[in-house]
Amino acid sequence: MPKEKTKLVIASTTSTQNSGLFDILIPAYEKSTKYDVKLEVIAVGTGKAIRIAKKGEADLLFVHDPFREEKFITEGYGVNRRAVMHNEFVIVGPGKDSAGIKKLKSAVEAFEEIAEKGSPFVSRGDDSGTNIKELDIWDDAGINPKGKGWYFEAGANMGDTLLVAKQKGAYTFTDMGTFLNYESKIDLKILFKGDPILRNNYSVIAVNPDRFSHVKYREAMDFIAFVTSIEGQRLIANYKRHGVNLFYPDTIPAVMGEKK
């Protein structure tokens, strides 16, 4: 009877799953590693992923909320945080662009116009990294959208939130990777992008074995080594939808210029 594989649990933001990136990274890792492991992904909002890791119910994190990541490490729950990749957040909506945000210069101005016009907006509303970033922008605009008739909270992952925005003919705030993966299923367009505050950084963090002795620390560090290696970074650099990169490698940015 074959020996059962060791389970390595990743608590992850949903965008790495919704974008399809894990469908590329995980099989490549499992094939290349010296460890006899099977990866299990718990894809939830970053806030929930961190709460899972704080209970010792995951071996590593793959998330995108720098402030909460730093807090997680400072509080002694995580070690060896590594930058992996980035993409950007964008504001998408119906092509008619009822709030006229396409011509604006900043994300804050775009949110101000959406609120001013009372145009429907769907938020993830799930304490994810994307949701927290969206709320930060509302805060910068001096607007509390919660409870307003035009503001809807989906309480869902990014893919499902995009589908709700499609149904409502609404704006929403999304990472580029998930949008590109869902673009063919939704009648929404990118209406605002390019503001430097919309950069979306992803990191991996091993759960601290001094805090939870049962975690698979060696295997977690092996996975971290893989996604930050030339091979892992090339896989990220070459992952595209409709000829467009969904993510850009940060550990070894030079692989972006290489051909497959």
Protein backbone atom coordinates (compact mmCIF):
# COMPACT_ATOMS: atom_id res chain seq x y z
CA MET A 1 0.00 0.00 0.00
CA PRO A 2 1.54 3.36 -1.02
CA LYS A 3 2.50 5.71 1.75
CA GLU A 4 0.07 8.60 2.23
CA LYS A 5 1.44 11.94 1.12
CA THR A 6 2.11 14.69 3.64
CA LYS A 7 -0.55 17.39 3.42
CA LEU A 8 0.78 20.93 3.11
CA VAL A 9 -1.95 23.50 3.79
CA ILE A 10 -1.83 26.95 2.19
CA ALA A 11 -4.24 29.58 3.49
CA SER A 12 -4.54 31.90 0.53
CA THR A 13 -6.32 34.91 -0.84
CA THR A 14 -8.98 33.88 -3.35
CA SER A 15 -7.36 35.77 -6.24
CA THR A 16 -4.51 33.27 -6.58
CA GLN A 17 -7.20 30.61 -6.98
CA ASN A 18 -9.78 32.61 -8.98
CA SER A 19 -7.11 33.76 -11.42
CA GLY A 20 -6.12 30.17 -12.18
CA LEU A 21 -2.51 30.74 -11.06
CA PHE A 22 -2.53 27.86 -8.57
CA ASP A 23 -3.57 25.49 -11.38
CA ILE A 24 -0.14 26.22 -12.86
CA LEU A 25 2.04 26.61 -9.76
CA ILE A 26 0.87 23.69 -7.62
CA PRO A 27 1.31 20.82 -10.10
CA ALA A 28 4.74 22.18 -11.05
CA TYR A 29 5.77 22.35 -7.39
CA GLU A 30 4.45 18.89 -6.53
CA LYS A 31 6.34 17.46 -9.51
CA SER A 32 9.65 19.16 -8.67
CA THR A 33 9.83 18.88 -4.87
CA LYS A 34 11.91 16.26 -3.03
CA TYR A 35 9.15 16.06 -0.42
CA ASP A 36 6.26 13.62 -0.77
CA VAL A 37 3.57 16.27 -0.38
CA LYS A 38 0.07 17.07 -1.54
CA LEU A 39 -0.93 20.72 -1.36
CA GLU A 40 -4.31 21.74 -0.02
CA VAL A 41 -5.42 25.32 -0.63
CA ILE A 42 -7.90 27.08 1.62
CA ALA A 43 -8.86 30.00 -0.63
CA VAL A 44 -10.60 32.71 1.39
CA GLY A 45 -10.24 36.45 1.90
CA THR A 46 -6.86 37.50 3.30
CA GLY A 47 -8.39 38.42 6.67
CA LYS A 48 -9.85 34.93 7.09
CA ALA A 49 -6.67 33.29 5.75
CA ILE A 50 -4.66 35.06 8.45
CA ARG A 51 -7.16 34.04 11.14
CA ILE A 52 -6.85 30.40 10.00
CA ALA A 53 -3.06 30.60 10.19
CA LYS A 54 -3.26 32.21 13.65
CA LYS A 55 -5.02 29.05 14.85
CA GLY A 56 -2.25 26.86 13.45
CA GLU A 57 -4.62 25.41 10.85
CA ALA A 58 -2.33 26.19 7.90
CA ASP A 59 1.35 25.75 7.19
CA LEU A 60 1.84 28.91 5.18
CA LEU A 61 0.10 32.02 3.90
CA PHE A 62 -0.11 33.38 0.33
CA VAL A 63 -1.80 36.76 0.73
CA HIS A 64 -1.84 40.43 -0.28
CA ASP A 65 -2.31 42.79 2.64
CA PRO A 66 1.07 44.22 3.68
CA PHE A 67 -0.15 45.85 6.91
CA ARG A 68 -1.80 42.69 8.24
CA GLU A 69 1.11 40.53 7.04
CA GLU A 70 3.56 42.63 9.06
CA LYS A 71 1.28 42.46 12.10
CA PHE A 72 1.05 38.66 11.73
CA ILE A 73 4.85 38.43 11.87
CA THR A 74 5.27 41.00 14.66
CA GLU A 75 2.82 39.05 16.82
CA GLY A 76 4.96 35.94 16.36
CA TYR A 77 2.66 33.90 14.14
CA GLY A 78 4.73 33.97 10.95
CA VAL A 79 8.34 33.88 9.77
CA ASN A 80 10.31 34.29 6.54
CA ARG A 81 7.98 36.55 4.62
CA ARG A 82 8.94 36.80 0.96
CA ALA A 83 7.67 39.04 -1.82
CA VAL A 84 6.48 36.89 -4.73
CA MET A 85 4.65 38.99 -7.31
CA HIS A 86 2.33 41.88 -7.93
CA ASN A 87 -0.41 42.99 -10.24
CA GLU A 88 -2.77 45.92 -9.89
CA PHE A 89 -6.23 46.68 -8.69
CA VAL A 90 -8.61 48.19 -11.21
CA ILE A 91 -12.13 49.61 -11.15
CA VAL A 92 -14.42 47.87 -13.61
CA GLY A 93 -18.00 48.48 -14.64
CA PRO A 94 -20.45 48.68 -17.54
CA GLY A 95 -19.00 50.23 -20.69
CA LYS A 96 -21.42 53.18 -20.51
CA ASP A 97 -19.48 54.40 -17.40
CA SER A 98 -22.37 56.32 -15.83
CA ALA A 99 -20.08 58.03 -13.29
CA GLY A 100 -17.55 59.08 -15.96
CA ILE A 101 -14.52 57.71 -14.12
CA LYS A 102 -12.53 56.77 -17.24
CA LYS A 103 -11.30 60.34 -17.69
CA LEU A 104 -10.18 60.84 -14.07
CA LYS A 105 -6.64 60.97 -12.69
CA SER A 106 -6.88 59.14 -9.36
CA ALA A 107 -8.71 56.24 -7.72
CA VAL A 108 -9.95 58.58 -4.99
CA GLU A 109 -11.55 60.86 -7.61
CA ALA A 110 -13.14 57.82 -9.25
CA PHE A 111 -14.74 56.75 -5.97
CA GLU A 112 -15.87 60.32 -5.29
CA GLU A 113 -17.65 60.43 -8.66
CA ILE A 114 -19.30 57.04 -8.15
CA ALA A 115 -20.64 58.25 -4.80
CA GLU A 116 -21.66 61.66 -6.19
CA LYS A 117 -23.61 60.07 -9.04
CA GLY A 118 -25.03 57.30 -6.83
CA SER A 119 -23.92 54.73 -9.39
CA PRO A 120 -24.29 51.11 -8.19
CA PHE A 121 -21.11 49.68 -6.69
CA VAL A 122 -20.57 46.10 -5.50
CA SER A 123 -18.01 45.52 -2.76
CA ARG A 124 -16.61 42.13 -1.82
CA GLY A 125 -17.52 42.94 1.77
CA ASP A 126 -15.56 39.95 3.04
CA ASP A 127 -12.55 41.36 4.95
CA SER A 128 -10.24 40.30 2.11
CA GLY A 129 -7.12 42.20 1.09
CA THR A 130 -9.06 43.56 -1.88
CA ASN A 131 -11.93 44.65 0.37
CA ILE A 132 -9.59 46.38 2.82
CA LYS A 133 -7.84 48.23 -0.03
CA GLU A 134 -11.21 49.35 -1.41
CA LEU A 135 -12.30 50.63 2.03
CA ASP A 136 -8.99 52.48 2.40
CA ILE A 137 -9.73 54.37 -0.82
CA TRP A 138 -13.25 55.26 0.34
CA ASP A 139 -11.65 56.50 3.58
CA ASP A 140 -9.14 58.60 1.62
CA ALA A 141 -12.10 60.10 -0.25
CA GLY A 142 -13.78 60.95 3.07
CA ILE A 143 -16.78 58.77 2.19
CA ASN A 144 -18.44 56.02 4.23
CA PRO A 145 -20.40 54.08 1.58
CA LYS A 146 -21.87 51.47 3.91
CA GLY A 147 -25.64 51.67 4.16
CA LYS A 148 -25.98 53.82 1.05
CA GLY A 149 -28.61 52.67 -1.43
CA TRP A 150 -26.10 52.39 -4.27
CA TYR A 151 -23.53 50.33 -2.31
CA PHE A 152 -23.89 46.56 -2.15
CA GLU A 153 -21.76 44.10 -0.16
CA ALA A 154 -21.52 40.69 -1.80
CA GLY A 155 -19.78 38.92 1.08
CA ALA A 156 -18.11 36.78 -1.58
CA ASN A 157 -14.85 35.96 -3.29
CA MET A 158 -13.64 38.10 -6.19
CA GLY A 159 -14.99 35.88 -8.96
CA ASP A 160 -18.49 35.79 -7.48
CA THR A 161 -18.37 39.53 -6.78
CA LEU A 162 -17.63 40.19 -10.45
CA LEU A 163 -20.67 38.08 -11.38
CA VAL A 164 -22.86 40.08 -8.96
CA ALA A 165 -21.55 43.35 -10.47
CA LYS A 166 -22.45 42.03 -13.91
CA GLN A 167 -26.00 41.21 -12.75
CA LYS A 168 -26.45 44.65 -11.20
CA GLY A 169 -24.74 46.60 -13.98
CA ALA A 170 -22.46 47.97 -11.27
CA TYR A 171 -18.92 49.12 -10.70
CA THR A 172 -16.60 46.99 -8.60
CA PHE A 173 -13.02 46.97 -7.37
CA THR A 174 -10.98 43.94 -8.43
CA ASP A 175 -7.50 42.58 -8.84
CA MET A 176 -6.46 42.43 -12.48
CA GLY A 177 -5.70 38.70 -12.42
CA THR A 178 -9.20 37.60 -11.44
CA PHE A 179 -10.79 40.10 -13.82
CA LEU A 180 -8.81 38.79 -16.80
CA ASN A 181 -9.72 35.22 -15.91
CA TYR A 182 -13.43 36.12 -15.70
CA GLU A 183 -13.54 38.69 -18.49
CA SER A 184 -15.23 36.38 -21.00
CA LYS A 185 -18.04 35.62 -18.52
CA ILE A 186 -18.91 39.21 -17.61
CA ASP A 187 -19.95 42.27 -19.57
CA LEU A 188 -17.70 44.63 -17.63
CA LYS A 189 -14.81 46.82 -18.79
CA ILE A 190 -11.73 48.19 -17.09
CA LEU A 191 -12.69 51.83 -16.55
CA PHE A 192 -9.93 53.02 -14.24
CA LYS A 193 -6.35 51.83 -13.72
CA GLY A 194 -2.81 53.13 -13.37
CA ASP A 195 -2.89 55.03 -10.07
CA PRO A 196 0.27 54.03 -8.12
CA ILE A 197 -1.86 53.34 -5.01
CA LEU A 198 -3.50 50.46 -6.91
CA ARG A 199 -0.38 48.27 -6.92
CA ASN A 200 -1.28 44.88 -5.43
CA ASN A 201 1.63 43.05 -3.74
CA TYR A 202 1.54 39.33 -2.91
CA SER A 203 3.72 37.62 -0.31
CA VAL A 204 4.26 34.16 1.13
CA ILE A 205 4.83 33.60 4.85
CA ALA A 206 5.64 30.39 6.74
CA VAL A 207 3.67 29.79 9.91
CA ASN A 208 6.04 29.96 12.89
CA PRO A 209 6.98 26.42 14.08
CA ASP A 210 7.96 27.84 17.48
CA ARG A 211 4.30 28.84 17.87
CA PHE A 212 2.78 25.68 16.41
CA SER A 213 5.07 22.66 16.61
CA HIS A 214 2.84 20.57 14.32
CA VAL A 215 3.15 22.79 11.23
CA LYS A 216 5.05 21.47 8.20
CA TYR A 217 7.76 24.11 8.36
CA ARG A 218 10.38 22.44 6.14
CA GLU A 219 7.80 21.73 3.45
CA ALA A 220 6.40 25.27 3.72
CA MET A 221 9.88 26.72 3.25
CA ASP A 222 10.40 24.38 0.30
CA PHE A 223 7.26 25.76 -1.36
CA ILE A 224 8.39 29.33 -0.61
CA ALA A 225 11.77 28.52 -2.17
CA PHE A 226 9.99 27.20 -5.26
CA VAL A 227 7.71 30.20 -5.89
CA THR A 228 10.64 32.58 -5.40
CA SER A 229 13.03 30.50 -7.57
CA ILE A 230 13.78 31.13 -11.23
CA GLU A 231 11.41 28.30 -12.18
CA GLY A 232 8.54 29.58 -10.04
CA GLN A 233 9.07 33.18 -11.09
CA ARG A 234 9.10 32.15 -14.77
CA LEU A 235 5.80 30.33 -14.34
CA ILE A 236 4.30 33.50 -12.85
CA ALA A 237 5.81 35.69 -15.59
CA ASN A 238 4.48 33.45 -18.37
CA TYR A 239 0.95 33.08 -16.99
CA LYS A 240 -1.35 35.08 -19.26
CA ARG A 241 -4.96 35.47 -20.35
CA HIS A 242 -5.72 36.85 -23.82
CA GLY A 243 -2.01 37.66 -24.16
CA VAL A 244 -1.98 39.80 -21.00
CA ASN A 245 0.08 39.06 -17.89
CA LEU A 246 -2.01 38.39 -14.80
CA PHE A 247 0.93 38.82 -12.42
CA TYR A 248 4.48 40.18 -12.47
CA PRO A 249 7.28 38.42 -10.55
CA ASP A 250 8.94 40.42 -7.77
CA THR A 251 11.68 38.11 -6.47
CA ILE A 252 13.40 37.84 -9.86
CA PRO A 253 11.81 40.56 -12.04
CA ALA A 254 14.34 39.92 -14.83
CA VAL A 255 12.49 36.76 -15.91
CA MET A 256 9.79 39.01 -17.39
CA GLY A 257 11.97 39.65 -20.41
CA GLU A 258 12.57 35.99 -21.13
CA LYS A 259 10.74 33.82 -23.61
CA LYS A 260 9.20 30.49 -22.67
